[in-house]
Amino acid sequence: MASPTPLQGLELIDCAKANAAQGIETAAHLCGYGTDLNTFKRELKQACQDIGVKIEELSDLITDQQTVREVGGIEVAPDTPADL
């Protein structure tokens, strides 16, 4: 669900990170910026700078863990519960 008002600070970062894989248009819309991509990018960069994180683009927020979950990886587990 899209935010009715533009998010700021940590809420903006959290929302942008959660939706980064869907693209900048979707992330901007869901974070309350509609089609104003320039303001979204500017506010997101500022919010990240405020917490000491430097980003150049939205995809910088996608972590390796998110990539593995989406793409899939290998599962490491014992053959049976008795082998724990």
PDB file of N, CA and C in Angstrom:
ATOM      1  N   MET A   1       0.847  -1.176   0.000  1.00  0.00           N
ATOM      2  CA  MET A   1       0.000   0.000   0.000  1.00  0.00           C
ATOM      3  C   MET A   1       0.892   1.239   0.000  1.00  0.00           C
ATOM      4  N   ALA A   2       0.583   2.172  -0.856  1.00  0.00           N
ATOM      5  CA  ALA A   2       1.373   3.387  -0.973  1.00  0.00           C
ATOM      6  C   ALA A   2       1.108   4.316   0.202  1.00  0.00           C
ATOM      7  N   SER A   3       2.161   5.002   0.621  1.00  0.00           N
ATOM      8  CA  SER A   3       2.035   5.970   1.700  1.00  0.00           C
ATOM      9  C   SER A   3       1.252   7.181   1.189  1.00  0.00           C
ATOM     10  N   PRO A   4       0.321   7.706   1.992  1.00  0.00           N
ATOM     11  CA  PRO A   4      -0.455   8.870   1.557  1.00  0.00           C
ATOM     12  C   PRO A   4       0.377  10.158   1.528  1.00  0.00           C
ATOM     13  N   THR A   5       1.466  10.194   2.292  1.00  0.00           N
ATOM     14  CA  THR A   5       2.361  11.349   2.290  1.00  0.00           C
ATOM     15  C   THR A   5       3.787  10.855   2.066  1.00  0.00           C
ATOM     16  N   PRO A   6       4.655  11.689   1.500  1.00  0.00           N
ATOM     17  CA  PRO A   6       6.030  11.271   1.265  1.00  0.00           C
ATOM     18  C   PRO A   6       6.746  10.908   2.572  1.00  0.00           C
ATOM     19  N   LEU A   7       7.344   9.741   2.581  1.00  0.00           N
ATOM     20  CA  LEU A   7       8.081   9.295   3.762  1.00  0.00           C
ATOM     21  C   LEU A   7       9.401  10.031   3.873  1.00  0.00           C
ATOM     22  N   GLN A   8       9.932  10.086   5.072  1.00  0.00           N
ATOM     23  CA  GLN A   8      11.200  10.771   5.338  1.00  0.00           C
ATOM     24  C   GLN A   8      12.065   9.880   6.227  1.00  0.00           C
ATOM     25  N   GLY A   9      13.341  10.168   6.270  1.00  0.00           N
ATOM     26  CA  GLY A   9      14.257   9.515   7.201  1.00  0.00           C
ATOM     27  C   GLY A   9      14.299   8.003   7.089  1.00  0.00           C
ATOM     28  N   LEU A  10      14.311   7.341   8.254  1.00  0.00           N
ATOM     29  CA  LEU A  10      14.427   5.887   8.301  1.00  0.00           C
ATOM     30  C   LEU A  10      13.238   5.188   7.660  1.00  0.00           C
ATOM     31  N   GLU A  11      12.055   5.760   7.776  1.00  0.00           N
ATOM     32  CA  GLU A  11      10.883   5.162   7.140  1.00  0.00           C
ATOM     33  C   GLU A  11      11.051   5.140   5.627  1.00  0.00           C
ATOM     34  N   LEU A  12      11.600   6.205   5.065  1.00  0.00           N
ATOM     35  CA  LEU A  12      11.849   6.266   3.628  1.00  0.00           C
ATOM     36  C   LEU A  12      12.874   5.211   3.227  1.00  0.00           C
ATOM     37  N   ILE A  13      13.949   5.102   3.979  1.00  0.00           N
ATOM     38  CA  ILE A  13      14.993   4.116   3.670  1.00  0.00           C
ATOM     39  C   ILE A  13      14.424   2.702   3.729  1.00  0.00           C
ATOM     40  N   ASP A  14      13.670   2.404   4.776  1.00  0.00           N
ATOM     41  CA  ASP A  14      13.079   1.072   4.930  1.00  0.00           C
ATOM     42  C   ASP A  14      12.141   0.738   3.769  1.00  0.00           C
ATOM     43  N   CYS A  15      11.293   1.676   3.417  1.00  0.00           N
ATOM     44  CA  CYS A  15      10.345   1.456   2.325  1.00  0.00           C
ATOM     45  C   CYS A  15      11.081   1.292   0.995  1.00  0.00           C
ATOM     46  N   ALA A  16      12.048   2.151   0.741  1.00  0.00           N
ATOM     47  CA  ALA A  16      12.813   2.085  -0.508  1.00  0.00           C
ATOM     48  C   ALA A  16      13.574   0.773  -0.605  1.00  0.00           C
ATOM     49  N   LYS A  17      14.185   0.349   0.487  1.00  0.00           N
ATOM     50  CA  LYS A  17      14.939  -0.906   0.491  1.00  0.00           C
ATOM     51  C   LYS A  17      14.016  -2.089   0.235  1.00  0.00           C
ATOM     52  N   ALA A  18      12.855  -2.094   0.862  1.00  0.00           N
ATOM     53  CA  ALA A  18      11.909  -3.196   0.703  1.00  0.00           C
ATOM     54  C   ALA A  18      11.389  -3.304  -0.729  1.00  0.00           C
ATOM     55  N   ASN A  19      11.370  -2.185  -1.446  1.00  0.00           N
ATOM     56  CA  ASN A  19      10.803  -2.171  -2.792  1.00  0.00           C
ATOM     57  C   ASN A  19      11.827  -1.918  -3.892  1.00  0.00           C
ATOM     58  N   ALA A  20      13.104  -1.885  -3.549  1.00  0.00           N
ATOM     59  CA  ALA A  20      14.155  -1.559  -4.511  1.00  0.00           C
ATOM     60  C   ALA A  20      14.197  -2.522  -5.689  1.00  0.00           C
ATOM     61  N   ALA A  21      13.974  -3.798  -5.441  1.00  0.00           N
ATOM     62  CA  ALA A  21      14.050  -4.789  -6.514  1.00  0.00           C
ATOM     63  C   ALA A  21      12.944  -4.608  -7.548  1.00  0.00           C
ATOM     64  N   GLN A  22      11.876  -3.922  -7.193  1.00  0.00           N
ATOM     65  CA  GLN A  22      10.757  -3.706  -8.110  1.00  0.00           C
ATOM     66  C   GLN A  22      10.978  -2.502  -9.027  1.00  0.00           C
ATOM     67  N   GLY A  23      12.032  -1.737  -8.781  1.00  0.00           N
ATOM     68  CA  GLY A  23      12.333  -0.594  -9.631  1.00  0.00           C
ATOM     69  C   GLY A  23      12.026   0.730  -8.962  1.00  0.00           C
ATOM     70  N   ILE A  24      12.630   1.776  -9.492  1.00  0.00           N
ATOM     71  CA  ILE A  24      12.529   3.093  -8.878  1.00  0.00           C
ATOM     72  C   ILE A  24      11.118   3.666  -8.960  1.00  0.00           C
ATOM     73  N   GLU A  25      10.407   3.402 -10.062  1.00  0.00           N
ATOM     74  CA  GLU A  25       9.058   3.945 -10.200  1.00  0.00           C
ATOM     75  C   GLU A  25       8.133   3.378  -9.118  1.00  0.00           C
ATOM     76  N   THR A  26       8.207   2.072  -8.917  1.00  0.00           N
ATOM     77  CA  THR A  26       7.370   1.420  -7.902  1.00  0.00           C
ATOM     78  C   THR A  26       7.766   1.877  -6.508  1.00  0.00           C
ATOM     79  N   ALA A  27       9.067   1.919  -6.237  1.00  0.00           N
ATOM     80  CA  ALA A  27       9.544   2.333  -4.918  1.00  0.00           C
ATOM     81  C   ALA A  27       9.113   3.769  -4.621  1.00  0.00           C
ATOM     82  N   ALA A  28       9.261   4.659  -5.581  1.00  0.00           N
ATOM     83  CA  ALA A  28       8.863   6.057  -5.375  1.00  0.00           C
ATOM     84  C   ALA A  28       7.365   6.154  -5.093  1.00  0.00           C
ATOM     85  N   HIS A  29       6.576   5.431  -5.851  1.00  0.00           N
ATOM     86  CA  HIS A  29       5.121   5.452  -5.651  1.00  0.00           C
ATOM     87  C   HIS A  29       4.753   4.950  -4.250  1.00  0.00           C
ATOM     88  N   LEU A  30       5.319   3.805  -3.856  1.00  0.00           N
ATOM     89  CA  LEU A  30       4.976   3.210  -2.563  1.00  0.00           C
ATOM     90  C   LEU A  30       5.491   4.028  -1.381  1.00  0.00           C
ATOM     91  N   CYS A  31       6.536   4.803  -1.602  1.00  0.00           N
ATOM     92  CA  CYS A  31       7.089   5.653  -0.542  1.00  0.00           C
ATOM     93  C   CYS A  31       6.391   7.014  -0.469  1.00  0.00           C
ATOM     94  N   GLY A  32       5.380   7.216  -1.315  1.00  0.00           N
ATOM     95  CA  GLY A  32       4.578   8.430  -1.237  1.00  0.00           C
ATOM     96  C   GLY A  32       5.002   9.551  -2.166  1.00  0.00           C
ATOM     97  N   TYR A  33       5.890   9.272  -3.127  1.00  0.00           N
ATOM     98  CA  TYR A  33       6.377  10.322  -4.018  1.00  0.00           C
ATOM     99  C   TYR A  33       5.718  10.301  -5.392  1.00  0.00           C
ATOM    100  N   GLY A  34       4.807   9.362  -5.610  1.00  0.00           N
ATOM    101  CA  GLY A  34       4.116   9.295  -6.894  1.00  0.00           C
ATOM    102  C   GLY A  34       5.082   9.145  -8.047  1.00  0.00           C
ATOM    103  N   THR A  35       5.005  10.066  -9.010  1.00  0.00           N
ATOM    104  CA  THR A  35       5.881  10.019 -10.183  1.00  0.00           C
ATOM    105  C   THR A  35       7.050  11.008 -10.081  1.00  0.00           C
ATOM    106  N   ASP A  36       7.205  11.651  -8.944  1.00  0.00           N
ATOM    107  CA  ASP A  36       8.285  12.628  -8.744  1.00  0.00           C
ATOM    108  C   ASP A  36       9.582  11.915  -8.371  1.00  0.00           C
ATOM    109  N   LEU A  37      10.213  11.323  -9.375  1.00  0.00           N
ATOM    110  CA  LEU A  37      11.416  10.521  -9.143  1.00  0.00           C
ATOM    111  C   LEU A  37      12.607  11.357  -8.674  1.00  0.00           C
ATOM    112  N   ASN A  38      12.711  12.577  -9.151  1.00  0.00           N
ATOM    113  CA  ASN A  38      13.842  13.422  -8.754  1.00  0.00           C
ATOM    114  C   ASN A  38      13.801  13.739  -7.256  1.00  0.00           C
ATOM    115  N   THR A  39      12.628  14.095  -6.755  1.00  0.00           N
ATOM    116  CA  THR A  39      12.499  14.382  -5.323  1.00  0.00           C
ATOM    117  C   THR A  39      12.733  13.113  -4.511  1.00  0.00           C
ATOM    118  N   PHE A  40      12.202  11.996  -4.978  1.00  0.00           N
ATOM    119  CA  PHE A  40      12.398  10.718  -4.294  1.00  0.00           C
ATOM    120  C   PHE A  40      13.884  10.401  -4.171  1.00  0.00           C
ATOM    121  N   LYS A  41      14.618  10.494  -5.280  1.00  0.00           N
ATOM    122  CA  LYS A  41      16.066  10.204  -5.249  1.00  0.00           C
ATOM    123  C   LYS A  41      16.796  11.161  -4.320  1.00  0.00           C
ATOM    124  N   ARG A  42      16.473  12.452  -4.396  1.00  0.00           N
ATOM    125  CA  ARG A  42      17.138  13.451  -3.562  1.00  0.00           C
ATOM    126  C   ARG A  42      16.875  13.190  -2.078  1.00  0.00           C
ATOM    127  N   GLU A  43      15.630  12.947  -1.718  1.00  0.00           N
ATOM    128  CA  GLU A  43      15.276  12.707  -0.322  1.00  0.00           C
ATOM    129  C   GLU A  43      15.881  11.395   0.194  1.00  0.00           C
ATOM    130  N   LEU A  44      15.923  10.383  -0.656  1.00  0.00           N
ATOM    131  CA  LEU A  44      16.508   9.096  -0.262  1.00  0.00           C
ATOM    132  C   LEU A  44      18.009   9.238  -0.028  1.00  0.00           C
ATOM    133  N   LYS A  45      18.696   9.925  -0.922  1.00  0.00           N
ATOM    134  CA  LYS A  45      20.133  10.153  -0.723  1.00  0.00           C
ATOM    135  C   LYS A  45      20.398  10.930   0.554  1.00  0.00           C
ATOM    136  N   GLN A  46      19.571  11.947   0.819  1.00  0.00           N
ATOM    137  CA  GLN A  46      19.748  12.753   2.023  1.00  0.00           C
ATOM    138  C   GLN A  46      19.496  11.921   3.269  1.00  0.00           C
ATOM    139  N   ALA A  47      18.448  11.103   3.253  1.00  0.00           N
ATOM    140  CA  ALA A  47      18.140  10.249   4.402  1.00  0.00           C
ATOM    141  C   ALA A  47      19.278   9.279   4.667  1.00  0.00           C
ATOM    142  N   CYS A  48      19.852   8.732   3.614  1.00  0.00           N
ATOM    143  CA  CYS A  48      20.979   7.808   3.776  1.00  0.00           C
ATOM    144  C   CYS A  48      22.215   8.542   4.301  1.00  0.00           C
ATOM    145  N   GLN A  49      22.480   9.729   3.793  1.00  0.00           N
ATOM    146  CA  GLN A  49      23.609  10.523   4.281  1.00  0.00           C
ATOM    147  C   GLN A  49      23.448  10.843   5.757  1.00  0.00           C
ATOM    148  N   ASP A  50      22.230  11.096   6.182  1.00  0.00           N
ATOM    149  CA  ASP A  50      21.969  11.432   7.583  1.00  0.00           C
ATOM    150  C   ASP A  50      22.349  10.300   8.532  1.00  0.00           C
ATOM    151  N   ILE A  51      22.305   9.054   8.046  1.00  0.00           N
ATOM    152  CA  ILE A  51      22.696   7.925   8.893  1.00  0.00           C
ATOM    153  C   ILE A  51      24.085   7.401   8.536  1.00  0.00           C
ATOM    154  N   GLY A  52      24.794   8.112   7.665  1.00  0.00           N
ATOM    155  CA  GLY A  52      26.172   7.757   7.334  1.00  0.00           C
ATOM    156  C   GLY A  52      26.327   6.714   6.245  1.00  0.00           C
ATOM    157  N   VAL A  53      25.321   6.558   5.404  1.00  0.00           N
ATOM    158  CA  VAL A  53      25.371   5.592   4.307  1.00  0.00           C
ATOM    159  C   VAL A  53      25.361   6.360   2.997  1.00  0.00           C
ATOM    160  N   LYS A  54      26.298   6.019   2.113  1.00  0.00           N
ATOM    161  CA  LYS A  54      26.353   6.696   0.828  1.00  0.00           C
ATOM    162  C   LYS A  54      25.804   5.770  -0.247  1.00  0.00           C
ATOM    163  N   ILE A  55      24.812   6.259  -0.982  1.00  0.00           N
ATOM    164  CA  ILE A  55      24.260   5.503  -2.099  1.00  0.00           C
ATOM    165  C   ILE A  55      24.322   6.362  -3.353  1.00  0.00           C
ATOM    166  N   GLU A  56      24.445   5.699  -4.480  1.00  0.00           N
ATOM    167  CA  GLU A  56      24.429   6.405  -5.763  1.00  0.00           C
ATOM    168  C   GLU A  56      23.110   6.169  -6.491  1.00  0.00           C
ATOM    169  N   GLU A  57      22.543   4.975  -6.272  1.00  0.00           N
ATOM    170  CA  GLU A  57      21.278   4.642  -6.911  1.00  0.00           C
ATOM    171  C   GLU A  57      20.491   3.699  -6.020  1.00  0.00           C
ATOM    172  N   LEU A  58      19.237   3.523  -6.329  1.00  0.00           N
ATOM    173  CA  LEU A  58      18.341   2.710  -5.513  1.00  0.00           C
ATOM    174  C   LEU A  58      18.857   1.284  -5.342  1.00  0.00           C
ATOM    175  N   SER A  59      19.445   0.721  -6.360  1.00  0.00           N
ATOM    176  CA  SER A  59      19.912  -0.669  -6.284  1.00  0.00           C
ATOM    177  C   SER A  59      21.020  -0.863  -5.255  1.00  0.00           C
ATOM    178  N   ASP A  60      21.646   0.218  -4.801  1.00  0.00           N
ATOM    179  CA  ASP A  60      22.663   0.113  -3.743  1.00  0.00           C
ATOM    180  C   ASP A  60      22.052  -0.374  -2.433  1.00  0.00           C
ATOM    181  N   LEU A  61      20.741  -0.268  -2.289  1.00  0.00           N
ATOM    182  CA  LEU A  61      20.070  -0.707  -1.071  1.00  0.00           C
ATOM    183  C   LEU A  61      19.749  -2.202  -1.073  1.00  0.00           C
ATOM    184  N   ILE A  62      19.885  -2.853  -2.224  1.00  0.00           N
ATOM    185  CA  ILE A  62      19.588  -4.286  -2.307  1.00  0.00           C
ATOM    186  C   ILE A  62      20.772  -5.056  -1.739  1.00  0.00           C
ATOM    187  N   THR A  63      20.514  -5.844  -0.702  1.00  0.00           N
ATOM    188  CA  THR A  63      21.577  -6.605  -0.051  1.00  0.00           C
ATOM    189  C   THR A  63      21.767  -7.961  -0.726  1.00  0.00           C
ATOM    190  N   ASP A  64      22.892  -8.586  -0.435  1.00  0.00           N
ATOM    191  CA  ASP A  64      23.164  -9.918  -0.970  1.00  0.00           C
ATOM    192  C   ASP A  64      22.118 -10.917  -0.501  1.00  0.00           C
ATOM    193  N   GLN A  65      21.652 -10.769   0.734  1.00  0.00           N
ATOM    194  CA  GLN A  65      20.633 -11.681   1.265  1.00  0.00           C
ATOM    195  C   GLN A  65      19.341 -11.592   0.469  1.00  0.00           C
ATOM    196  N   GLN A  66      18.947 -10.391   0.086  1.00  0.00           N
ATOM    197  CA  GLN A  66      17.736 -10.233  -0.709  1.00  0.00           C
ATOM    198  C   GLN A  66      17.909 -10.893  -2.075  1.00  0.00           C
ATOM    199  N   THR A  67      19.091 -10.759  -2.655  1.00  0.00           N
ATOM    200  CA  THR A  67      19.360 -11.339  -3.961  1.00  0.00           C
ATOM    201  C   THR A  67      19.298 -12.861  -3.898  1.00  0.00           C
ATOM    202  N   VAL A  68      19.878 -13.449  -2.874  1.00  0.00           N
ATOM    203  CA  VAL A  68      19.869 -14.904  -2.742  1.00  0.00           C
ATOM    204  C   VAL A  68      18.453 -15.415  -2.566  1.00  0.00           C
ATOM    205  N   ARG A  69      17.640 -14.725  -1.774  1.00  0.00           N
ATOM    206  CA  ARG A  69      16.255 -15.146  -1.562  1.00  0.00           C
ATOM    207  C   ARG A  69      15.463 -15.129  -2.851  1.00  0.00           C
ATOM    208  N   GLU A  70      15.678 -14.118  -3.676  1.00  0.00           N
ATOM    209  CA  GLU A  70      14.920 -13.988  -4.912  1.00  0.00           C
ATOM    210  C   GLU A  70      15.414 -14.954  -5.980  1.00  0.00           C
ATOM    211  N   VAL A  71      16.721 -15.058  -6.115  1.00  0.00           N
ATOM    212  CA  VAL A  71      17.304 -15.889  -7.159  1.00  0.00           C
ATOM    213  C   VAL A  71      17.316 -17.349  -6.735  1.00  0.00           C
ATOM    214  N   GLY A  72      17.483 -17.560  -5.482  1.00  0.00           N
ATOM    215  CA  GLY A  72      17.581 -18.925  -4.973  1.00  0.00           C
ATOM    216  C   GLY A  72      19.030 -19.249  -4.677  1.00  0.00           C
ATOM    217  N   GLY A  73      19.231 -20.139  -3.814  1.00  0.00           N
ATOM    218  CA  GLY A  73      20.581 -20.531  -3.448  1.00  0.00           C
ATOM    219  C   GLY A  73      20.570 -21.999  -3.092  1.00  0.00           C
ATOM    220  N   ILE A  74      21.603 -22.415  -2.440  1.00  0.00           N
ATOM    221  CA  ILE A  74      21.648 -23.809  -2.028  1.00  0.00           C
ATOM    222  C   ILE A  74      21.266 -23.906  -0.567  1.00  0.00           C
ATOM    223  N   GLU A  75      20.594 -24.968  -0.224  1.00  0.00           N
ATOM    224  CA  GLU A  75      20.183 -25.184   1.162  1.00  0.00           C
ATOM    225  C   GLU A  75      21.134 -26.181   1.777  1.00  0.00           C
ATOM    226  N   VAL A  76      21.678 -25.839   2.935  1.00  0.00           N
ATOM    227  CA  VAL A  76      22.578 -26.724   3.645  1.00  0.00           C
ATOM    228  C   VAL A  76      21.829 -27.231   4.877  1.00  0.00           C
ATOM    229  N   ALA A  77      21.584 -28.540   4.902  1.00  0.00           N
ATOM    230  CA  ALA A  77      20.850 -29.133   6.016  1.00  0.00           C
ATOM    231  C   ALA A  77      21.232 -30.611   6.124  1.00  0.00           C
ATOM    232  N   PRO A  78      21.058 -31.191   7.300  1.00  0.00           N
ATOM    233  CA  PRO A  78      21.332 -32.626   7.444  1.00  0.00           C
ATOM    234  C   PRO A  78      20.301 -33.458   6.679  1.00  0.00           C
ATOM    235  N   ASP A  79      20.680 -34.705   6.393  1.00  0.00           N
ATOM    236  CA  ASP A  79      19.770 -35.593   5.661  1.00  0.00           C
ATOM    237  C   ASP A  79      18.520 -35.935   6.460  1.00  0.00           C
ATOM    238  N   THR A  80      18.693 -36.116   7.768  1.00  0.00           N
ATOM    239  CA  THR A  80      17.568 -36.461   8.636  1.00  0.00           C
ATOM    240  C   THR A  80      17.694 -35.666   9.936  1.00  0.00           C
ATOM    241  N   PRO A  81      16.579 -35.522  10.685  1.00  0.00           N
ATOM    242  CA  PRO A  81      16.654 -34.831  11.964  1.00  0.00           C
ATOM    243  C   PRO A  81      17.615 -35.514  12.950  1.00  0.00           C
ATOM    244  N   ALA A  82      17.815 -36.806  12.816  1.00  0.00           N
ATOM    245  CA  ALA A  82      18.729 -37.528  13.705  1.00  0.00           C
ATOM    246  C   ALA A  82      20.183 -37.155  13.458  1.00  0.00           C
ATOM    247  N   ASP A  83      20.480 -36.616  12.278  1.00  0.00           N
ATOM    248  CA  ASP A  83      21.859 -36.254  11.927  1.00  0.00           C
ATOM    249  C   ASP A  83      22.263 -34.876  12.425  1.00  0.00           C
ATOM    250  N   LEU A  84      21.388 -34.220  13.160  1.00  0.00           N
ATOM    251  CA  LEU A  84      21.693 -32.896  13.672  1.00  0.00           C
ATOM    252  C   LEU A  84      22.892 -32.976  14.577  1.00  0.00           C
TER     253      LEU A  84
END
